[in-house]
Amino acid sequence: METPILNPSEKSSQEPQSAASRQIVVSLLVALLAIGAYFLLFKSPQRPTQGTLPLTAGSAEQAYASDLRVGNLAMKQAENFLNQQVKILEGDVLNNGNTVVLAVDATIEFRDGLDQIALRETRPLVPPSPTGLAPGQVAHFELSFDHVPNSWNYQMPRVTITGLKLGTTKK
């Protein structure tokens, strides 16, 4: 029985082809991982809207929203553990009415140079609580935003109360 004689030129032509295909596969995997990491870190969908307290037209909540005052707004900047810049909005909510407020949601709008909305998110200013915010009481809030677009005009974002849950009226 004869053993086939390997031609050195045949062997060398097969090795570069398999090495090249391996390199292409590895390059594609690296590219897919890089794209996935980019979308995970930088293009993740906006936080799910946490506004579960809608203000329906003609409701008691909508009428009471004018009794809540948002003030003492201030912006800070910090760095998170991924060395990314995070914007922090601080402020206070004053219950100027006569009813306990169990929760307050607000929509925060960052604007660009053309006064168009660059980022809009709904967040809780007063998280749901059984005791809530009594009449005359002030609650402090801090909200962090890690994906504020570069087009933001660096003006104070607009804060609009878009949801609240009322408790009992204090007499």
Protein backbone atom coordinates (compact mmCIF):
# COMPACT_ATOMS: atom_id res chain seq x y z
CA MET A 1 0.00 0.00 0.00
CA GLU A 2 1.36 3.33 -1.01
CA THR A 3 1.28 6.28 1.26
CA PRO A 4 0.43 9.49 -0.46
CA ILE A 5 3.25 11.89 -0.76
CA LEU A 6 2.34 15.37 0.42
CA ASN A 7 3.35 18.04 -1.91
CA PRO A 8 4.77 20.97 0.12
CA SER A 9 3.06 23.49 -2.15
CA GLU A 10 -0.39 21.94 -1.49
CA LYS A 11 0.10 22.10 2.27
CA SER A 12 1.17 25.71 2.27
CA SER A 13 -1.78 26.79 0.12
CA GLN A 14 -4.29 25.24 2.57
CA GLU A 15 -2.78 26.81 5.70
CA PRO A 16 -3.13 30.46 4.63
CA GLN A 17 -6.72 29.87 3.58
CA SER A 18 -7.70 28.37 6.94
CA ALA A 19 -5.73 31.02 8.83
CA ALA A 20 -7.39 33.76 6.80
CA SER A 21 -10.87 32.36 7.40
CA ARG A 22 -10.09 32.03 11.12
CA GLN A 23 -8.94 35.64 11.19
CA ILE A 24 -12.14 36.77 9.46
CA VAL A 25 -14.30 34.87 11.95
CA VAL A 26 -12.38 36.29 14.92
CA SER A 27 -12.60 39.81 13.46
CA LEU A 28 -16.36 39.47 12.99
CA LEU A 29 -16.80 38.24 16.57
CA VAL A 30 -14.74 41.13 17.94
CA ALA A 31 -16.75 43.60 15.84
CA LEU A 32 -20.06 42.13 17.04
CA LEU A 33 -18.90 42.27 20.66
CA ALA A 34 -17.77 45.88 20.23
CA ILE A 35 -21.10 46.88 18.67
CA GLY A 36 -23.00 45.09 21.43
CA ALA A 37 -20.93 46.79 24.13
CA TYR A 38 -21.46 50.19 22.46
CA PHE A 39 -25.24 49.78 22.41
CA LEU A 40 -25.29 48.42 25.94
CA LEU A 41 -23.21 51.24 27.40
CA PHE A 42 -24.05 54.26 25.27
CA LYS A 43 -27.22 53.64 23.33
CA SER A 44 -29.27 51.74 25.85
CA PRO A 45 -32.94 52.63 25.59
CA GLN A 46 -34.08 55.44 27.81
CA ARG A 47 -35.07 54.40 31.24
CA PRO A 48 -38.55 53.00 31.19
CA THR A 49 -40.94 55.74 32.03
CA GLN A 50 -41.66 55.39 35.68
CA GLY A 51 -44.67 57.69 35.46
CA THR A 52 -47.32 55.34 36.72
CA LEU A 53 -49.34 58.19 38.16
CA PRO A 54 -51.04 59.89 35.22
CA LEU A 55 -52.84 63.20 35.56
CA THR A 56 -56.14 62.56 33.81
CA ALA A 57 -58.17 65.49 32.54
CA GLY A 58 -60.60 66.83 35.12
CA SER A 59 -59.24 64.62 37.88
CA ALA A 60 -58.61 65.67 41.47
CA GLU A 61 -54.91 64.93 40.90
CA GLN A 62 -54.73 67.32 37.96
CA ALA A 63 -56.39 70.07 39.98
CA TYR A 64 -54.08 69.45 42.94
CA ALA A 65 -50.90 69.53 40.81
CA SER A 66 -51.00 73.34 40.90
CA ASP A 67 -50.64 73.16 44.72
CA LEU A 68 -47.21 71.53 44.38
CA ARG A 69 -44.17 73.75 43.93
CA VAL A 70 -40.88 72.54 42.48
CA GLY A 71 -37.99 74.82 43.35
CA ASN A 72 -34.39 75.24 44.48
CA LEU A 73 -33.24 73.51 41.31
CA ALA A 74 -29.51 72.99 40.90
CA MET A 75 -27.36 70.98 38.50
CA LYS A 76 -24.21 69.13 39.46
CA GLN A 77 -21.86 66.94 37.51
CA ALA A 78 -20.16 63.80 38.74
CA GLU A 79 -18.32 60.82 37.34
CA ASN A 80 -19.69 57.29 37.63
CA PHE A 81 -17.68 54.11 38.11
CA LEU A 82 -17.26 53.78 34.31
CA ASN A 83 -15.61 57.23 34.22
CA GLN A 84 -18.64 58.69 32.42
CA GLN A 85 -19.97 62.16 33.16
CA VAL A 86 -23.32 62.10 34.99
CA LYS A 87 -25.59 65.12 35.37
CA ILE A 88 -27.42 65.38 38.69
CA LEU A 89 -30.55 67.49 39.09
CA GLU A 90 -31.39 68.47 42.67
CA GLY A 91 -34.43 70.27 43.94
CA ASP A 92 -37.32 70.43 46.37
CA VAL A 93 -41.03 69.73 46.13
CA LEU A 94 -43.33 71.74 48.43
CA ASN A 95 -46.84 70.51 49.15
CA ASN A 96 -48.68 73.83 49.27
CA GLY A 97 -52.14 72.26 49.44
CA ASN A 98 -54.23 70.58 52.15
CA THR A 99 -53.93 66.93 51.06
CA VAL A 100 -51.25 64.32 51.72
CA VAL A 101 -49.42 63.44 48.51
CA LEU A 102 -48.34 59.80 48.41
CA ALA A 103 -46.21 60.04 45.25
CA VAL A 104 -45.15 62.62 42.65
CA ASP A 105 -43.79 62.00 39.14
CA ALA A 106 -42.32 64.67 36.90
CA THR A 107 -41.16 64.88 33.32
CA ILE A 108 -37.72 66.42 32.97
CA GLU A 109 -36.85 67.97 29.61
CA PHE A 110 -33.32 68.92 28.60
CA ARG A 111 -33.38 71.35 25.65
CA ASP A 112 -30.88 72.03 22.88
CA GLY A 113 -29.68 75.31 21.34
CA LEU A 114 -32.83 75.56 19.21
CA ASP A 115 -35.04 75.05 22.29
CA GLN A 116 -36.04 71.60 21.06
CA ILE A 117 -36.19 68.63 23.40
CA ALA A 118 -32.82 66.87 23.53
CA LEU A 119 -33.84 64.43 26.29
CA ARG A 120 -37.15 63.77 28.04
CA GLU A 121 -37.55 61.39 30.95
CA THR A 122 -40.25 60.85 33.54
CA ARG A 123 -38.97 60.21 37.04
CA PRO A 124 -40.36 60.07 40.58
CA LEU A 125 -39.70 63.23 42.61
CA VAL A 126 -41.45 61.78 45.64
CA PRO A 127 -41.33 57.97 45.51
CA PRO A 128 -44.50 56.12 46.54
CA SER A 129 -44.78 56.02 50.30
CA PRO A 130 -47.57 55.21 52.77
CA THR A 131 -46.85 58.40 54.75
CA GLY A 132 -46.25 60.64 51.74
CA LEU A 133 -45.71 64.37 51.73
CA ALA A 134 -47.95 66.12 54.24
CA PRO A 135 -49.36 69.62 53.61
CA GLY A 136 -46.66 72.24 54.13
CA GLN A 137 -43.90 69.64 53.97
CA VAL A 138 -40.91 69.78 51.61
CA ALA A 139 -39.24 66.77 49.99
CA HIS A 140 -35.74 66.94 48.50
CA PHE A 141 -34.91 64.98 45.35
CA GLU A 142 -31.77 64.08 43.41
CA LEU A 143 -32.02 62.63 39.92
CA SER A 144 -29.03 61.45 37.92
CA PHE A 145 -28.88 61.40 34.13
CA ASP A 146 -26.04 59.50 32.52
CA HIS A 147 -26.99 59.92 28.86
CA VAL A 148 -27.63 63.64 28.39
CA PRO A 149 -26.92 64.45 24.72
CA ASN A 150 -24.05 66.77 23.82
CA SER A 151 -26.61 69.01 22.10
CA TRP A 152 -28.01 70.03 25.52
CA ASN A 153 -27.89 73.84 25.90
CA TYR A 154 -26.64 73.66 29.52
CA GLN A 155 -29.69 75.53 30.78
CA MET A 156 -31.76 74.27 33.70
CA PRO A 157 -34.04 71.48 32.45
CA ARG A 158 -37.80 71.99 32.58
CA VAL A 159 -39.52 70.06 35.35
CA THR A 160 -43.25 69.46 34.92
CA ILE A 161 -45.39 67.45 37.32
CA THR A 162 -47.01 64.77 35.21
CA GLY A 163 -48.35 62.39 37.81
CA LEU A 164 -49.30 62.20 41.44
CA LYS A 165 -51.15 60.04 43.89
CA LEU A 166 -53.18 61.72 46.59
CA GLY A 167 -53.82 60.48 50.09
CA THR A 168 -56.33 61.88 52.54
CA THR A 169 -57.23 65.51 53.08
CA LYS A 170 -55.83 67.00 56.28
CA LYS A 171 -58.36 69.08 58.21
